[in-house]
């Protein structure tokens, strides 16, 4: 009973506090966007490593003034916290992962893309291995005929957790360096080639 009450309170309080914290971190840092000015209007898959997702709503806002996206989030408790947090930034969610319930999640993602939504995915989430691209994002892009934009967020000042993903939390009063690619078309690539392109693209600016 105690655990249930704790989780209920956490789901009410933590996402709101986290959204305020994210806004504070963003406002207190300089921002530098190393990114194309536009990526087109087509529904797009945005991909970043799990450990770098905290500040990504602001990179998305650079390209979509009105958010119209669903982010693939695990159905575990920590995923529920993330899901409720990103709602404060106008983002929806698809619950599941490309490791568990893969077929259902794949179909939901394809349907969302065809309905005009962008999709946000951490290709090494929700549980790793760190910096390894799972098959699901490639399959989704190929079946939906959608392009992929690779996104990195590299702060100059940060805390890094000792979690599997080495989750990165920017500190105030530094610089947030955002990197993104032009849309990448993987439709004519085989699975291994596409995964290699994605991994190399997401590891260009390691900290």
C-alpha atoms as a PDB file:
ATOM      1  CA  UNK A   1       0.000   0.000   0.000  1.00  0.00           C
ATOM      2  CA  UNK A   2       2.831   2.390   0.902  1.00  0.00           C
ATOM      3  CA  UNK A   3       4.549   1.838  -2.435  1.00  0.00           C
ATOM      4  CA  UNK A   4       1.291   2.476  -4.291  1.00  0.00           C
ATOM      5  CA  UNK A   5       0.727   5.756  -2.416  1.00  0.00           C
ATOM      6  CA  UNK A   6       4.321   6.823  -3.032  1.00  0.00           C
ATOM      7  CA  UNK A   7       4.037   6.161  -6.760  1.00  0.00           C
ATOM      8  CA  UNK A   8       0.709   7.981  -6.983  1.00  0.00           C
ATOM      9  CA  UNK A   9       2.170  11.058  -5.286  1.00  0.00           C
ATOM     10  CA  UNK A  10       5.304  10.858  -7.418  1.00  0.00           C
ATOM     11  CA  UNK A  11       3.244  10.809 -10.620  1.00  0.00           C
ATOM     12  CA  UNK A  12       1.396  13.913  -9.432  1.00  0.00           C
ATOM     13  CA  UNK A  13       4.410  15.912  -8.273  1.00  0.00           C
ATOM     14  CA  UNK A  14       7.593  14.798 -10.055  1.00  0.00           C
ATOM     15  CA  UNK A  15       6.563  15.544 -13.680  1.00  0.00           C
ATOM     16  CA  UNK A  16       5.533  19.115 -12.835  1.00  0.00           C
ATOM     17  CA  UNK A  17       8.731  19.784 -10.875  1.00  0.00           C
ATOM     18  CA  UNK A  18      10.814  18.138 -13.603  1.00  0.00           C
ATOM     19  CA  UNK A  19       9.227  20.309 -16.305  1.00  0.00           C
ATOM     20  CA  UNK A  20      10.076  23.442 -14.298  1.00  0.00           C
ATOM     21  CA  UNK A  21      13.643  22.194 -13.809  1.00  0.00           C
ATOM     22  CA  UNK A  22      14.065  21.555 -17.549  1.00  0.00           C
ATOM     23  CA  UNK A  23      12.820  25.062 -18.361  1.00  0.00           C
ATOM     24  CA  UNK A  24      15.153  26.576 -15.754  1.00  0.00           C
ATOM     25  CA  UNK A  25      18.162  24.699 -17.117  1.00  0.00           C
ATOM     26  CA  UNK A  26      17.319  25.776 -20.658  1.00  0.00           C
ATOM     27  CA  UNK A  27      16.845  29.434 -19.743  1.00  0.00           C
ATOM     28  CA  UNK A  28      20.036  29.582 -17.645  1.00  0.00           C
ATOM     29  CA  UNK A  29      22.276  28.176 -20.399  1.00  0.00           C
ATOM     30  CA  UNK A  30      23.514  29.588 -23.666  1.00  0.00           C
ATOM     31  CA  UNK A  31      22.203  27.653 -26.662  1.00  0.00           C
ATOM     32  CA  UNK A  32      24.070  26.840 -29.845  1.00  0.00           C
ATOM     33  CA  UNK A  33      22.289  24.934 -32.615  1.00  0.00           C
ATOM     34  CA  UNK A  34      24.565  23.076 -35.023  1.00  0.00           C
ATOM     35  CA  UNK A  35      21.682  22.065 -37.209  1.00  0.00           C
ATOM     36  CA  UNK A  36      19.968  22.575 -40.567  1.00  0.00           C
ATOM     37  CA  UNK A  37      17.600  25.527 -40.598  1.00  0.00           C
ATOM     38  CA  UNK A  38      14.740  23.362 -41.871  1.00  0.00           C
ATOM     39  CA  UNK A  39      14.031  19.662 -42.283  1.00  0.00           C
ATOM     40  CA  UNK A  40      10.809  19.811 -44.286  1.00  0.00           C
ATOM     41  CA  UNK A  41       7.227  19.283 -43.243  1.00  0.00           C
ATOM     42  CA  UNK A  42       6.954  15.516 -43.705  1.00  0.00           C
ATOM     43  CA  UNK A  43       6.344  13.366 -40.593  1.00  0.00           C
ATOM     44  CA  UNK A  44       9.829  12.568 -39.328  1.00  0.00           C
ATOM     45  CA  UNK A  45      11.478  10.227 -36.825  1.00  0.00           C
ATOM     46  CA  UNK A  46      13.743  12.039 -34.356  1.00  0.00           C
ATOM     47  CA  UNK A  47      16.369   9.786 -32.751  1.00  0.00           C
ATOM     48  CA  UNK A  48      18.697  10.426 -29.818  1.00  0.00           C
ATOM     49  CA  UNK A  49      20.510   8.281 -27.276  1.00  0.00           C
ATOM     50  CA  UNK A  50      18.553   7.518 -24.110  1.00  0.00           C
ATOM     51  CA  UNK A  51      21.082   9.341 -21.939  1.00  0.00           C
ATOM     52  CA  UNK A  52      20.624  12.620 -23.823  1.00  0.00           C
ATOM     53  CA  UNK A  53      16.850  12.953 -24.002  1.00  0.00           C
ATOM     54  CA  UNK A  54      16.281  15.406 -21.118  1.00  0.00           C
ATOM     55  CA  UNK A  55      16.560  18.661 -23.088  1.00  0.00           C
ATOM     56  CA  UNK A  56      15.402  17.410 -26.481  1.00  0.00           C
ATOM     57  CA  UNK A  57      11.944  19.062 -26.476  1.00  0.00           C
ATOM     58  CA  UNK A  58      13.697  22.338 -27.243  1.00  0.00           C
ATOM     59  CA  UNK A  59      15.492  20.967 -30.299  1.00  0.00           C
ATOM     60  CA  UNK A  60      12.159  19.663 -31.551  1.00  0.00           C
ATOM     61  CA  UNK A  61      10.629  23.116 -30.981  1.00  0.00           C
ATOM     62  CA  UNK A  62      13.209  24.589 -33.364  1.00  0.00           C
ATOM     63  CA  UNK A  63      11.605  22.663 -36.222  1.00  0.00           C
ATOM     64  CA  UNK A  64       7.970  22.482 -35.140  1.00  0.00           C
ATOM     65  CA  UNK A  65       6.518  25.647 -33.685  1.00  0.00           C
ATOM     66  CA  UNK A  66       3.370  23.698 -32.885  1.00  0.00           C
ATOM     67  CA  UNK A  67       4.334  20.299 -31.438  1.00  0.00           C
ATOM     68  CA  UNK A  68       2.764  17.334 -33.162  1.00  0.00           C
ATOM     69  CA  UNK A  69       4.748  14.323 -32.019  1.00  0.00           C
ATOM     70  CA  UNK A  70       4.559  11.104 -30.073  1.00  0.00           C
ATOM     71  CA  UNK A  71       7.552   9.788 -28.154  1.00  0.00           C
ATOM     72  CA  UNK A  72       8.164   6.089 -27.663  1.00  0.00           C
ATOM     73  CA  UNK A  73       8.326   5.576 -23.878  1.00  0.00           C
ATOM     74  CA  UNK A  74       8.579   2.371 -21.848  1.00  0.00           C
ATOM     75  CA  UNK A  75       5.535   1.338 -19.811  1.00  0.00           C
ATOM     76  CA  UNK A  76       7.589   1.005 -16.605  1.00  0.00           C
ATOM     77  CA  UNK A  77       7.204   3.476 -13.730  1.00  0.00           C
ATOM     78  CA  UNK A  78      10.135   5.645 -14.824  1.00  0.00           C
ATOM     79  CA  UNK A  79       8.620   5.711 -18.302  1.00  0.00           C
ATOM     80  CA  UNK A  80       5.343   6.928 -16.821  1.00  0.00           C
ATOM     81  CA  UNK A  81       7.187   9.790 -15.117  1.00  0.00           C
ATOM     82  CA  UNK A  82       8.850  10.752 -18.406  1.00  0.00           C
ATOM     83  CA  UNK A  83       5.537  10.492 -20.256  1.00  0.00           C
ATOM     84  CA  UNK A  84       3.793  12.872 -17.862  1.00  0.00           C
ATOM     85  CA  UNK A  85       6.759  15.262 -17.914  1.00  0.00           C
ATOM     86  CA  UNK A  86       6.912  15.651 -21.687  1.00  0.00           C
ATOM     87  CA  UNK A  87       3.182  16.361 -21.804  1.00  0.00           C
ATOM     88  CA  UNK A  88       4.074  19.757 -20.331  1.00  0.00           C
ATOM     89  CA  UNK A  89       5.919  20.378 -23.615  1.00  0.00           C
ATOM     90  CA  UNK A  90       2.970  19.362 -25.787  1.00  0.00           C
ATOM     91  CA  UNK A  91       4.299  15.909 -26.665  1.00  0.00           C
ATOM     92  CA  UNK A  92       2.260  12.709 -26.704  1.00  0.00           C
ATOM     93  CA  UNK A  93       3.516   9.173 -26.103  1.00  0.00           C
ATOM     94  CA  UNK A  94       3.388   5.631 -27.380  1.00  0.00           C
ATOM     95  CA  UNK A  95       3.839   3.166 -24.538  1.00  0.00           C
ATOM     96  CA  UNK A  96       6.117   0.184 -25.057  1.00  0.00           C
ATOM     97  CA  UNK A  97       9.543  -0.561 -26.491  1.00  0.00           C
ATOM     98  CA  UNK A  98      11.085  -2.094 -29.567  1.00  0.00           C
ATOM     99  CA  UNK A  99      12.311  -4.934 -27.332  1.00  0.00           C
ATOM    100  CA  UNK A 100       9.002  -5.744 -25.607  1.00  0.00           C
ATOM    101  CA  UNK A 101       5.678  -5.712 -27.473  1.00  0.00           C
ATOM    102  CA  UNK A 102       7.765  -4.850 -30.526  1.00  0.00           C
ATOM    103  CA  UNK A 103       5.133  -5.655 -33.157  1.00  0.00           C
ATOM    104  CA  UNK A 104       2.419  -3.609 -31.437  1.00  0.00           C
ATOM    105  CA  UNK A 105       4.734  -0.644 -30.904  1.00  0.00           C
ATOM    106  CA  UNK A 106       5.959  -0.815 -34.490  1.00  0.00           C
ATOM    107  CA  UNK A 107       2.408  -0.732 -35.836  1.00  0.00           C
ATOM    108  CA  UNK A 108       1.444   2.171 -33.557  1.00  0.00           C
ATOM    109  CA  UNK A 109       4.483   4.144 -34.676  1.00  0.00           C
ATOM    110  CA  UNK A 110       3.802   3.511 -38.368  1.00  0.00           C
ATOM    111  CA  UNK A 111       0.158   4.494 -37.907  1.00  0.00           C
ATOM    112  CA  UNK A 112       1.141   7.710 -36.092  1.00  0.00           C
ATOM    113  CA  UNK A 113       3.577   8.671 -38.855  1.00  0.00           C
ATOM    114  CA  UNK A 114       0.929   8.065 -41.495  1.00  0.00           C
ATOM    115  CA  UNK A 115      -1.470  10.204 -39.451  1.00  0.00           C
ATOM    116  CA  UNK A 116       1.012  13.083 -39.660  1.00  0.00           C
ATOM    117  CA  UNK A 117       2.765  12.801 -36.305  1.00  0.00           C
ATOM    118  CA  UNK A 118       6.510  13.011 -35.826  1.00  0.00           C
ATOM    119  CA  UNK A 119       7.964  10.209 -33.720  1.00  0.00           C
ATOM    120  CA  UNK A 120      10.673  10.481 -31.057  1.00  0.00           C
ATOM    121  CA  UNK A 121      12.733   7.356 -30.320  1.00  0.00           C
ATOM    122  CA  UNK A 122      15.779   6.469 -28.242  1.00  0.00           C
ATOM    123  CA  UNK A 123      17.280   3.658 -30.356  1.00  0.00           C
ATOM    124  CA  UNK A 124      19.238   2.242 -27.405  1.00  0.00           C
ATOM    125  CA  UNK A 125      16.295   2.449 -24.981  1.00  0.00           C
ATOM    126  CA  UNK A 126      14.618   1.654 -22.760  1.00  0.00           C
ATOM    127  CA  UNK A 127      17.234  -0.626 -21.150  1.00  0.00           C
ATOM    128  CA  UNK A 128      20.237  -0.701 -23.477  1.00  0.00           C
ATOM    129  CA  UNK A 129      22.802  -1.795 -24.369  1.00  0.00           C
ATOM    130  CA  UNK A 130      24.041   1.790 -24.325  1.00  0.00           C
ATOM    131  CA  UNK A 131      24.759   3.304 -27.745  1.00  0.00           C
ATOM    132  CA  UNK A 132      23.555   0.250 -29.659  1.00  0.00           C
ATOM    133  CA  UNK A 133      20.839   0.791 -32.265  1.00  0.00           C
ATOM    134  CA  UNK A 134      17.882  -1.594 -32.060  1.00  0.00           C
ATOM    135  CA  UNK A 135      16.175  -2.861 -35.226  1.00  0.00           C
ATOM    136  CA  UNK A 136      12.823  -1.245 -34.481  1.00  0.00           C
ATOM    137  CA  UNK A 137      13.586   2.312 -35.570  1.00  0.00           C
ATOM    138  CA  UNK A 138      14.927   1.116 -38.922  1.00  0.00           C
ATOM    139  CA  UNK A 139      11.929  -1.122 -39.533  1.00  0.00           C
ATOM    140  CA  UNK A 140       9.547   1.715 -38.630  1.00  0.00           C
ATOM    141  CA  UNK A 141      11.263   4.189 -40.954  1.00  0.00           C
ATOM    142  CA  UNK A 142      11.336   1.739 -43.862  1.00  0.00           C
ATOM    143  CA  UNK A 143       7.747   0.574 -43.530  1.00  0.00           C
ATOM    144  CA  UNK A 144       6.348   4.097 -43.032  1.00  0.00           C
ATOM    145  CA  UNK A 145       8.656   5.575 -45.703  1.00  0.00           C
ATOM    146  CA  UNK A 146       9.765   8.164 -43.129  1.00  0.00           C
ATOM    147  CA  UNK A 147      13.150   9.838 -42.817  1.00  0.00           C
ATOM    148  CA  UNK A 148      15.227   9.979 -39.632  1.00  0.00           C
ATOM    149  CA  UNK A 149      16.842  13.032 -38.041  1.00  0.00           C
ATOM    150  CA  UNK A 150      19.683  12.191 -35.642  1.00  0.00           C
ATOM    151  CA  UNK A 151      19.932  14.463 -32.608  1.00  0.00           C
ATOM    152  CA  UNK A 152      22.649  14.999 -30.010  1.00  0.00           C
ATOM    153  CA  UNK A 153      22.688  17.313 -26.992  1.00  0.00           C
ATOM    154  CA  UNK A 154      26.112  18.088 -25.513  1.00  0.00           C
ATOM    155  CA  UNK A 155      26.273  20.465 -22.520  1.00  0.00           C
ATOM    156  CA  UNK A 156      29.552  22.043 -21.454  1.00  0.00           C
ATOM    157  CA  UNK A 157      28.638  21.633 -17.767  1.00  0.00           C
ATOM    158  CA  UNK A 158      26.754  18.579 -16.575  1.00  0.00           C
ATOM    159  CA  UNK A 159      26.139  15.845 -14.073  1.00  0.00           C
ATOM    160  CA  UNK A 160      26.289  12.274 -15.401  1.00  0.00           C
ATOM    161  CA  UNK A 161      24.461   9.528 -13.538  1.00  0.00           C
ATOM    162  CA  UNK A 162      25.909   6.063 -12.981  1.00  0.00           C
ATOM    163  CA  UNK A 163      22.924   4.472 -14.710  1.00  0.00           C
ATOM    164  CA  UNK A 164      23.224   2.097 -17.681  1.00  0.00           C
ATOM    165  CA  UNK A 165      22.713   5.013 -20.101  1.00  0.00           C
ATOM    166  CA  UNK A 166      25.039   7.448 -18.250  1.00  0.00           C
ATOM    167  CA  UNK A 167      22.099   9.862 -18.164  1.00  0.00           C
ATOM    168  CA  UNK A 168      23.302  13.449 -18.658  1.00  0.00           C
ATOM    169  CA  UNK A 169      21.803  16.389 -16.742  1.00  0.00           C
ATOM    170  CA  UNK A 170      23.070  19.836 -17.780  1.00  0.00           C
ATOM    171  CA  UNK A 171      24.138  22.262 -15.067  1.00  0.00           C
ATOM    172  CA  UNK A 172      23.103  25.931 -15.133  1.00  0.00           C
ATOM    173  CA  UNK A 173      25.255  28.664 -16.669  1.00  0.00           C
ATOM    174  CA  UNK A 174      26.997  26.648 -19.350  1.00  0.00           C
ATOM    175  CA  UNK A 175      26.251  26.070 -23.023  1.00  0.00           C
ATOM    176  CA  UNK A 176      23.872  23.574 -24.559  1.00  0.00           C
ATOM    177  CA  UNK A 177      25.212  22.401 -27.905  1.00  0.00           C
ATOM    178  CA  UNK A 178      22.480  20.876 -30.039  1.00  0.00           C
ATOM    179  CA  UNK A 179      23.452  18.844 -33.090  1.00  0.00           C
ATOM    180  CA  UNK A 180      21.058  17.454 -35.660  1.00  0.00           C
ATOM    181  CA  UNK A 181      21.413  15.986 -39.126  1.00  0.00           C
ATOM    182  CA  UNK A 182      19.474  16.573 -42.280  1.00  0.00           C
ATOM    183  CA  UNK A 183      16.778  13.898 -42.731  1.00  0.00           C
ATOM    184  CA  UNK A 184      18.296  10.504 -43.530  1.00  0.00           C
ATOM    185  CA  UNK A 185      16.507   8.098 -45.884  1.00  0.00           C
ATOM    186  CA  UNK A 186      17.163   4.465 -44.906  1.00  0.00           C
ATOM    187  CA  UNK A 187      14.658   2.845 -47.264  1.00  0.00           C
ATOM    188  CA  UNK A 188      17.293   1.491 -49.652  1.00  0.00           C
ATOM    189  CA  UNK A 189      19.692   0.368 -46.906  1.00  0.00           C
ATOM    190  CA  UNK A 190      19.823  -3.089 -45.378  1.00  0.00           C
ATOM    191  CA  UNK A 191      19.413  -3.368 -41.618  1.00  0.00           C
ATOM    192  CA  UNK A 192      23.104  -3.491 -40.703  1.00  0.00           C
ATOM    193  CA  UNK A 193      24.055  -0.606 -42.989  1.00  0.00           C
ATOM    194  CA  UNK A 194      21.269   1.578 -41.607  1.00  0.00           C
ATOM    195  CA  UNK A 195      22.195   0.769 -37.999  1.00  0.00           C
ATOM    196  CA  UNK A 196      25.835   1.626 -38.704  1.00  0.00           C
ATOM    197  CA  UNK A 197      24.882   4.971 -40.250  1.00  0.00           C
ATOM    198  CA  UNK A 198      22.738   5.816 -37.228  1.00  0.00           C
ATOM    199  CA  UNK A 199      25.290   4.772 -34.637  1.00  0.00           C
ATOM    200  CA  UNK A 200      28.114   6.692 -36.297  1.00  0.00           C
ATOM    201  CA  UNK A 201      25.873   9.741 -36.691  1.00  0.00           C
ATOM    202  CA  UNK A 202      24.894   9.733 -33.024  1.00  0.00           C
ATOM    203  CA  UNK A 203      28.466   9.363 -31.805  1.00  0.00           C
ATOM    204  CA  UNK A 204      30.032  12.258 -33.691  1.00  0.00           C
ATOM    205  CA  UNK A 205      30.252  14.606 -30.699  1.00  0.00           C
ATOM    206  CA  UNK A 206      30.906  12.447 -27.651  1.00  0.00           C
ATOM    207  CA  UNK A 207      31.481  14.080 -24.273  1.00  0.00           C
END
